[in-house]
């Protein structure tokens, strides 16, 4: 399958059998679609044999016709008017925007990232001998708003089932956090990690800060006496 995305979306299946010559491959065009900026299909310039449409989202063609209702994660989008059917579930965090706006009306240089907001990428360190402490600092990125970025620093105190001293990289995603400003506050981390090779461990866990839940992945190097380690921390995070 070949997928070219943009205003023109082309999907072709490669078949390994020629109708008259055995063993000669051919390419058969299965679907194509040309779109106006908000995702409405251009009349006479599309062939619909594929369930997914604009921006790779699934189409709901039963009521409004082919390609006129696009199923995003939380809301349905009508590409003919460039608006969602329902109010943005976090509209209160964006008073400057229409609660029905699609992609903040940026359809040339952006796409709709509904459901993915703030990502933290930082250097993480921890030490544990009975009690445990952590420190982390890096950059907070708002995937939906490229101008909403900032540095951050976080500390934590808690416990681990391990004796360790490690440092490395941690990436945390908060799916419903609307702005980088919301990272500041008290929170908690719960996770588990394991040694994949000597002196290197990979960890997964849940993170909560200022009332928003997310998940993290970290890769750490250093001393770890156990193959598998569980941890829990009370944390506080500052936005720089």
C-alpha atoms as a PDB file:
ATOM      1  CA  UNK A   1       0.000   0.000   0.000  1.00  0.00           C
ATOM      2  CA  UNK A   2       1.242   3.483  -0.897  1.00  0.00           C
ATOM      3  CA  UNK A   3      -0.216   6.507   0.882  1.00  0.00           C
ATOM      4  CA  UNK A   4       0.512  10.085  -0.151  1.00  0.00           C
ATOM      5  CA  UNK A   5      -1.091  12.632   2.179  1.00  0.00           C
ATOM      6  CA  UNK A   6      -1.905  16.278   1.713  1.00  0.00           C
ATOM      7  CA  UNK A   7      -4.608  18.018  -0.262  1.00  0.00           C
ATOM      8  CA  UNK A   8      -4.489  15.069  -2.654  1.00  0.00           C
ATOM      9  CA  UNK A   9      -4.558  11.647  -1.024  1.00  0.00           C
ATOM     10  CA  UNK A  10      -3.727   8.609  -3.147  1.00  0.00           C
ATOM     11  CA  UNK A  11      -3.926   4.978  -2.099  1.00  0.00           C
ATOM     12  CA  UNK A  12      -2.808   2.191  -4.411  1.00  0.00           C
ATOM     13  CA  UNK A  13      -2.593  -1.570  -3.902  1.00  0.00           C
ATOM     14  CA  UNK A  14       0.265  -3.421  -5.558  1.00  0.00           C
ATOM     15  CA  UNK A  15      -0.868  -6.722  -7.038  1.00  0.00           C
ATOM     16  CA  UNK A  16       1.584  -9.412  -7.998  1.00  0.00           C
ATOM     17  CA  UNK A  17      -0.405 -10.814 -10.909  1.00  0.00           C
ATOM     18  CA  UNK A  18      -0.862  -9.369 -14.420  1.00  0.00           C
ATOM     19  CA  UNK A  19      -4.234 -10.206 -16.096  1.00  0.00           C
ATOM     20  CA  UNK A  20      -2.558 -11.678 -19.198  1.00  0.00           C
ATOM     21  CA  UNK A  21       1.078 -12.284 -18.219  1.00  0.00           C
ATOM     22  CA  UNK A  22       1.760 -14.616 -15.292  1.00  0.00           C
ATOM     23  CA  UNK A  23       4.298 -13.320 -12.789  1.00  0.00           C
ATOM     24  CA  UNK A  24       4.321  -9.718 -14.074  1.00  0.00           C
ATOM     25  CA  UNK A  25       3.405  -7.239 -11.267  1.00  0.00           C
ATOM     26  CA  UNK A  26       1.055  -4.313 -11.829  1.00  0.00           C
ATOM     27  CA  UNK A  27      -0.239  -1.451  -9.669  1.00  0.00           C
ATOM     28  CA  UNK A  28      -3.998  -1.048  -9.400  1.00  0.00           C
ATOM     29  CA  UNK A  29      -5.449   2.267  -8.213  1.00  0.00           C
ATOM     30  CA  UNK A  30      -7.961   1.517  -5.444  1.00  0.00           C
ATOM     31  CA  UNK A  31      -8.742   4.944  -3.981  1.00  0.00           C
ATOM     32  CA  UNK A  32      -7.938   8.611  -4.488  1.00  0.00           C
ATOM     33  CA  UNK A  33      -9.306  11.858  -3.049  1.00  0.00           C
ATOM     34  CA  UNK A  34      -8.688  15.564  -3.564  1.00  0.00           C
ATOM     35  CA  UNK A  35      -9.658  17.852  -0.672  1.00  0.00           C
ATOM     36  CA  UNK A  36     -10.554  21.475  -0.087  1.00  0.00           C
ATOM     37  CA  UNK A  37      -8.608  23.033   2.870  1.00  0.00           C
ATOM     38  CA  UNK A  38     -10.995  21.895   5.661  1.00  0.00           C
ATOM     39  CA  UNK A  39     -11.347  18.384   4.231  1.00  0.00           C
ATOM     40  CA  UNK A  40     -14.354  18.526   1.936  1.00  0.00           C
ATOM     41  CA  UNK A  41     -13.851  16.260  -1.065  1.00  0.00           C
ATOM     42  CA  UNK A  42     -13.706  17.979  -4.444  1.00  0.00           C
ATOM     43  CA  UNK A  43     -16.598  16.846  -6.677  1.00  0.00           C
ATOM     44  CA  UNK A  44     -15.557  14.534  -9.479  1.00  0.00           C
ATOM     45  CA  UNK A  45     -12.004  14.217  -8.157  1.00  0.00           C
ATOM     46  CA  UNK A  46     -12.244  11.258  -5.804  1.00  0.00           C
ATOM     47  CA  UNK A  47     -12.836   7.519  -5.836  1.00  0.00           C
ATOM     48  CA  UNK A  48     -14.111   6.151  -2.545  1.00  0.00           C
ATOM     49  CA  UNK A  49     -13.151   2.566  -1.809  1.00  0.00           C
ATOM     50  CA  UNK A  50     -11.454   3.253   1.530  1.00  0.00           C
ATOM     51  CA  UNK A  51     -12.998   3.798   4.983  1.00  0.00           C
ATOM     52  CA  UNK A  52     -10.525   6.494   6.049  1.00  0.00           C
ATOM     53  CA  UNK A  53     -10.507  10.016   4.686  1.00  0.00           C
ATOM     54  CA  UNK A  54      -9.178  13.482   5.532  1.00  0.00           C
ATOM     55  CA  UNK A  55      -6.119  13.445   7.837  1.00  0.00           C
ATOM     56  CA  UNK A  56      -6.403   9.646   8.036  1.00  0.00           C
ATOM     57  CA  UNK A  57      -9.612   9.746  10.111  1.00  0.00           C
ATOM     58  CA  UNK A  58     -12.489   7.306   9.657  1.00  0.00           C
ATOM     59  CA  UNK A  59     -15.476   8.545   7.643  1.00  0.00           C
ATOM     60  CA  UNK A  60     -19.102   8.142   8.734  1.00  0.00           C
ATOM     61  CA  UNK A  61     -20.951   8.131   5.400  1.00  0.00           C
ATOM     62  CA  UNK A  62     -24.371   6.835   6.458  1.00  0.00           C
ATOM     63  CA  UNK A  63     -26.248  10.112   7.054  1.00  0.00           C
ATOM     64  CA  UNK A  64     -24.518  13.003   5.294  1.00  0.00           C
ATOM     65  CA  UNK A  65     -22.923  11.219   2.368  1.00  0.00           C
ATOM     66  CA  UNK A  66     -19.395  10.124   1.549  1.00  0.00           C
ATOM     67  CA  UNK A  67     -16.695  12.145   3.278  1.00  0.00           C
ATOM     68  CA  UNK A  68     -19.068  14.704   4.834  1.00  0.00           C
ATOM     69  CA  UNK A  69     -18.713  13.476   8.426  1.00  0.00           C
ATOM     70  CA  UNK A  70     -15.247  12.724   9.840  1.00  0.00           C
ATOM     71  CA  UNK A  71     -14.865  10.830  13.116  1.00  0.00           C
ATOM     72  CA  UNK A  72     -12.121  12.357  15.288  1.00  0.00           C
ATOM     73  CA  UNK A  73     -11.328  11.083  18.798  1.00  0.00           C
ATOM     74  CA  UNK A  74     -13.846  13.140  20.771  1.00  0.00           C
ATOM     75  CA  UNK A  75     -16.035  14.871  18.170  1.00  0.00           C
ATOM     76  CA  UNK A  76     -17.375  14.636  14.637  1.00  0.00           C
ATOM     77  CA  UNK A  77     -16.105  17.100  12.032  1.00  0.00           C
ATOM     78  CA  UNK A  78     -18.145  18.460   9.113  1.00  0.00           C
ATOM     79  CA  UNK A  79     -15.597  19.364   6.401  1.00  0.00           C
ATOM     80  CA  UNK A  80     -18.199  21.282   4.376  1.00  0.00           C
ATOM     81  CA  UNK A  81     -18.366  24.058   7.002  1.00  0.00           C
ATOM     82  CA  UNK A  82     -14.972  23.438   8.643  1.00  0.00           C
ATOM     83  CA  UNK A  83     -16.441  22.972  12.130  1.00  0.00           C
ATOM     84  CA  UNK A  84     -16.975  20.272  14.751  1.00  0.00           C
ATOM     85  CA  UNK A  85     -20.544  19.305  15.659  1.00  0.00           C
ATOM     86  CA  UNK A  86     -19.940  19.514  19.430  1.00  0.00           C
ATOM     87  CA  UNK A  87     -18.210  21.899  21.820  1.00  0.00           C
ATOM     88  CA  UNK A  88     -14.516  21.348  22.548  1.00  0.00           C
ATOM     89  CA  UNK A  89     -14.385  19.396  25.870  1.00  0.00           C
ATOM     90  CA  UNK A  90     -11.591  21.717  27.074  1.00  0.00           C
ATOM     91  CA  UNK A  91     -13.051  24.919  25.581  1.00  0.00           C
ATOM     92  CA  UNK A  92     -12.727  26.750  28.915  1.00  0.00           C
ATOM     93  CA  UNK A  93      -8.939  26.570  28.585  1.00  0.00           C
ATOM     94  CA  UNK A  94      -9.019  28.351  25.200  1.00  0.00           C
ATOM     95  CA  UNK A  95     -11.313  31.387  25.592  1.00  0.00           C
ATOM     96  CA  UNK A  96      -9.737  33.036  22.527  1.00  0.00           C
ATOM     97  CA  UNK A  97     -10.914  30.199  20.245  1.00  0.00           C
ATOM     98  CA  UNK A  98     -14.325  29.177  18.988  1.00  0.00           C
ATOM     99  CA  UNK A  99     -15.337  25.929  20.786  1.00  0.00           C
ATOM    100  CA  UNK A 100     -16.310  24.495  17.381  1.00  0.00           C
ATOM    101  CA  UNK A 101     -13.142  25.517  15.478  1.00  0.00           C
ATOM    102  CA  UNK A 102     -11.279  22.885  13.485  1.00  0.00           C
ATOM    103  CA  UNK A 103      -7.471  22.903  13.876  1.00  0.00           C
ATOM    104  CA  UNK A 104      -7.719  26.471  15.253  1.00  0.00           C
ATOM    105  CA  UNK A 105      -8.547  27.427  11.648  1.00  0.00           C
ATOM    106  CA  UNK A 106      -4.913  26.676  10.710  1.00  0.00           C
ATOM    107  CA  UNK A 107      -5.476  24.266   7.828  1.00  0.00           C
ATOM    108  CA  UNK A 108      -2.381  25.129   5.774  1.00  0.00           C
ATOM    109  CA  UNK A 109       0.423  24.763   8.344  1.00  0.00           C
ATOM    110  CA  UNK A 110      -1.285  22.523  10.945  1.00  0.00           C
ATOM    111  CA  UNK A 111      -3.456  19.482  11.511  1.00  0.00           C
ATOM    112  CA  UNK A 112      -6.042  18.665  14.183  1.00  0.00           C
ATOM    113  CA  UNK A 113      -4.313  17.078  17.218  1.00  0.00           C
ATOM    114  CA  UNK A 114      -7.438  16.436  19.247  1.00  0.00           C
ATOM    115  CA  UNK A 115      -6.577  14.419  22.347  1.00  0.00           C
ATOM    116  CA  UNK A 116      -2.813  15.025  22.475  1.00  0.00           C
ATOM    117  CA  UNK A 117      -1.637  18.125  24.291  1.00  0.00           C
ATOM    118  CA  UNK A 118       1.425  18.550  26.529  1.00  0.00           C
ATOM    119  CA  UNK A 119       4.619  16.473  26.319  1.00  0.00           C
ATOM    120  CA  UNK A 120       7.504  16.737  28.817  1.00  0.00           C
ATOM    121  CA  UNK A 121      11.011  15.737  27.684  1.00  0.00           C
ATOM    122  CA  UNK A 122      13.644  15.910  30.378  1.00  0.00           C
ATOM    123  CA  UNK A 123      16.742  14.582  32.080  1.00  0.00           C
ATOM    124  CA  UNK A 124      15.762  12.435  35.058  1.00  0.00           C
ATOM    125  CA  UNK A 125      17.798  11.287  38.042  1.00  0.00           C
ATOM    126  CA  UNK A 126      16.947   9.277  41.147  1.00  0.00           C
ATOM    127  CA  UNK A 127      18.635   7.702  44.145  1.00  0.00           C
ATOM    128  CA  UNK A 128      17.164   5.133  46.516  1.00  0.00           C
ATOM    129  CA  UNK A 129      18.341   3.515  49.732  1.00  0.00           C
ATOM    130  CA  UNK A 130      15.116   2.726  51.579  1.00  0.00           C
ATOM    131  CA  UNK A 131      13.677   6.180  50.966  1.00  0.00           C
ATOM    132  CA  UNK A 132      14.045   7.678  47.528  1.00  0.00           C
ATOM    133  CA  UNK A 133      14.318  11.049  45.819  1.00  0.00           C
ATOM    134  CA  UNK A 134      14.078  12.186  42.189  1.00  0.00           C
ATOM    135  CA  UNK A 135      14.857  15.316  40.194  1.00  0.00           C
ATOM    136  CA  UNK A 136      13.988  16.099  36.593  1.00  0.00           C
ATOM    137  CA  UNK A 137      14.375  19.084  34.304  1.00  0.00           C
ATOM    138  CA  UNK A 138      13.790  19.736  30.628  1.00  0.00           C
ATOM    139  CA  UNK A 139      11.343  21.243  28.152  1.00  0.00           C
ATOM    140  CA  UNK A 140       7.539  21.093  28.088  1.00  0.00           C
ATOM    141  CA  UNK A 141       5.990  21.098  24.594  1.00  0.00           C
ATOM    142  CA  UNK A 142       2.373  21.802  23.690  1.00  0.00           C
ATOM    143  CA  UNK A 143       1.703  19.682  20.600  1.00  0.00           C
ATOM    144  CA  UNK A 144      -1.450  21.628  19.748  1.00  0.00           C
ATOM    145  CA  UNK A 145       0.097  25.089  20.122  1.00  0.00           C
ATOM    146  CA  UNK A 146       3.664  25.430  18.868  1.00  0.00           C
ATOM    147  CA  UNK A 147       4.118  28.735  20.719  1.00  0.00           C
ATOM    148  CA  UNK A 148       3.160  27.315  24.118  1.00  0.00           C
ATOM    149  CA  UNK A 149       6.488  25.859  25.279  1.00  0.00           C
ATOM    150  CA  UNK A 150       8.565  26.307  28.434  1.00  0.00           C
ATOM    151  CA  UNK A 151      11.246  24.792  30.598  1.00  0.00           C
ATOM    152  CA  UNK A 152      10.300  22.864  33.721  1.00  0.00           C
ATOM    153  CA  UNK A 153      11.829  21.371  36.855  1.00  0.00           C
ATOM    154  CA  UNK A 154      10.371  18.669  39.070  1.00  0.00           C
ATOM    155  CA  UNK A 155      11.386  17.027  42.357  1.00  0.00           C
ATOM    156  CA  UNK A 156       9.914  14.035  44.137  1.00  0.00           C
ATOM    157  CA  UNK A 157      10.184  12.078  47.356  1.00  0.00           C
ATOM    158  CA  UNK A 158       8.915   8.572  47.980  1.00  0.00           C
ATOM    159  CA  UNK A 159      10.080   4.985  47.946  1.00  0.00           C
ATOM    160  CA  UNK A 160      11.372   2.218  45.699  1.00  0.00           C
ATOM    161  CA  UNK A 161      11.807  -1.519  46.095  1.00  0.00           C
ATOM    162  CA  UNK A 162      15.400  -1.080  44.981  1.00  0.00           C
ATOM    163  CA  UNK A 163      18.782   0.279  45.986  1.00  0.00           C
ATOM    164  CA  UNK A 164      19.767   2.440  43.033  1.00  0.00           C
ATOM    165  CA  UNK A 165      21.451   5.563  41.699  1.00  0.00           C
ATOM    166  CA  UNK A 166      20.447   6.286  38.097  1.00  0.00           C
ATOM    167  CA  UNK A 167      20.128   9.053  35.525  1.00  0.00           C
ATOM    168  CA  UNK A 168      18.715   9.257  32.015  1.00  0.00           C
ATOM    169  CA  UNK A 169      15.893  10.558  29.802  1.00  0.00           C
ATOM    170  CA  UNK A 170      12.188  10.640  30.604  1.00  0.00           C
ATOM    171  CA  UNK A 171       9.308  11.474  28.215  1.00  0.00           C
ATOM    172  CA  UNK A 172       5.889  12.170  29.777  1.00  0.00           C
ATOM    173  CA  UNK A 173       2.642  12.720  27.833  1.00  0.00           C
ATOM    174  CA  UNK A 174      -0.456  14.337  29.354  1.00  0.00           C
ATOM    175  CA  UNK A 175      -3.288  13.589  26.876  1.00  0.00           C
ATOM    176  CA  UNK A 176      -5.839  16.057  28.302  1.00  0.00           C
ATOM    177  CA  UNK A 177      -3.599  18.863  29.587  1.00  0.00           C
ATOM    178  CA  UNK A 178      -4.495  21.967  27.543  1.00  0.00           C
ATOM    179  CA  UNK A 179      -1.516  24.223  28.275  1.00  0.00           C
ATOM    180  CA  UNK A 180       2.084  24.099  29.484  1.00  0.00           C
ATOM    181  CA  UNK A 181       1.035  26.457  32.288  1.00  0.00           C
ATOM    182  CA  UNK A 182      -0.889  23.563  33.847  1.00  0.00           C
ATOM    183  CA  UNK A 183       2.228  21.498  34.630  1.00  0.00           C
ATOM    184  CA  UNK A 184       2.954  23.538  37.764  1.00  0.00           C
ATOM    185  CA  UNK A 185       1.714  21.975  40.989  1.00  0.00           C
ATOM    186  CA  UNK A 186       1.667  18.930  43.224  1.00  0.00           C
ATOM    187  CA  UNK A 187       1.429  15.462  41.743  1.00  0.00           C
ATOM    188  CA  UNK A 188       2.377  11.815  41.958  1.00  0.00           C
ATOM    189  CA  UNK A 189       4.286   9.190  39.956  1.00  0.00           C
ATOM    190  CA  UNK A 190       3.727   5.435  40.064  1.00  0.00           C
ATOM    191  CA  UNK A 191       5.888   3.160  37.937  1.00  0.00           C
ATOM    192  CA  UNK A 192       7.816  -0.010  37.322  1.00  0.00           C
ATOM    193  CA  UNK A 193      11.188  -0.513  35.657  1.00  0.00           C
ATOM    194  CA  UNK A 194      13.410  -3.400  34.675  1.00  0.00           C
ATOM    195  CA  UNK A 195      17.006  -3.942  33.637  1.00  0.00           C
ATOM    196  CA  UNK A 196      17.176  -4.729  29.915  1.00  0.00           C
ATOM    197  CA  UNK A 197      20.977  -5.017  30.035  1.00  0.00           C
ATOM    198  CA  UNK A 198      23.402  -4.537  32.935  1.00  0.00           C
ATOM    199  CA  UNK A 199      23.382  -0.905  34.157  1.00  0.00           C
ATOM    200  CA  UNK A 200      20.525   0.074  31.787  1.00  0.00           C
ATOM    201  CA  UNK A 201      16.844   0.003  32.789  1.00  0.00           C
ATOM    202  CA  UNK A 202      13.600   0.951  31.032  1.00  0.00           C
ATOM    203  CA  UNK A 203      10.657   2.237  33.043  1.00  0.00           C
ATOM    204  CA  UNK A 204       6.930   2.759  32.414  1.00  0.00           C
ATOM    205  CA  UNK A 205       4.420   4.453  34.649  1.00  0.00           C
ATOM    206  CA  UNK A 206       1.582   6.872  35.325  1.00  0.00           C
ATOM    207  CA  UNK A 207       2.092  10.499  36.267  1.00  0.00           C
ATOM    208  CA  UNK A 208      -0.344  13.011  37.754  1.00  0.00           C
ATOM    209  CA  UNK A 209       0.250  16.729  38.133  1.00  0.00           C
ATOM    210  CA  UNK A 210      -2.159  19.541  38.941  1.00  0.00           C
ATOM    211  CA  UNK A 211      -5.109  17.185  38.438  1.00  0.00           C
ATOM    212  CA  UNK A 212      -4.061  15.899  34.978  1.00  0.00           C
ATOM    213  CA  UNK A 213      -3.063  12.251  34.425  1.00  0.00           C
ATOM    214  CA  UNK A 214      -0.488  11.089  31.905  1.00  0.00           C
ATOM    215  CA  UNK A 215       2.019   8.326  31.276  1.00  0.00           C
ATOM    216  CA  UNK A 216       5.787   8.223  30.969  1.00  0.00           C
ATOM    217  CA  UNK A 217       8.610   6.200  29.451  1.00  0.00           C
ATOM    218  CA  UNK A 218      12.166   6.522  30.755  1.00  0.00           C
ATOM    219  CA  UNK A 219      15.556   5.028  29.962  1.00  0.00           C
ATOM    220  CA  UNK A 220      18.047   5.208  32.828  1.00  0.00           C
ATOM    221  CA  UNK A 221      21.623   4.135  33.357  1.00  0.00           C
ATOM    222  CA  UNK A 222      23.463   3.444  36.597  1.00  0.00           C
ATOM    223  CA  UNK A 223      23.402   1.231  39.686  1.00  0.00           C
ATOM    224  CA  UNK A 224      20.335  -0.983  40.180  1.00  0.00           C
ATOM    225  CA  UNK A 225      20.446  -3.997  42.480  1.00  0.00           C
ATOM    226  CA  UNK A 226      17.127  -5.568  41.355  1.00  0.00           C
ATOM    227  CA  UNK A 227      16.054  -6.770  37.913  1.00  0.00           C
ATOM    228  CA  UNK A 228      12.534  -5.352  38.445  1.00  0.00           C
ATOM    229  CA  UNK A 229      11.755  -2.266  40.516  1.00  0.00           C
ATOM    230  CA  UNK A 230       8.503  -0.623  41.652  1.00  0.00           C
ATOM    231  CA  UNK A 231       8.350   3.022  42.715  1.00  0.00           C
ATOM    232  CA  UNK A 232       5.988   5.692  44.017  1.00  0.00           C
ATOM    233  CA  UNK A 233       6.614   9.416  44.510  1.00  0.00           C
ATOM    234  CA  UNK A 234       4.942  12.596  45.626  1.00  0.00           C
ATOM    235  CA  UNK A 235       6.134  15.311  43.227  1.00  0.00           C
ATOM    236  CA  UNK A 236       6.126  19.054  42.706  1.00  0.00           C
ATOM    237  CA  UNK A 237       6.708  20.653  39.298  1.00  0.00           C
ATOM    238  CA  UNK A 238       7.627  24.245  38.385  1.00  0.00           C
ATOM    239  CA  UNK A 239       7.308  25.870  34.985  1.00  0.00           C
ATOM    240  CA  UNK A 240      10.374  28.031  34.319  1.00  0.00           C
END
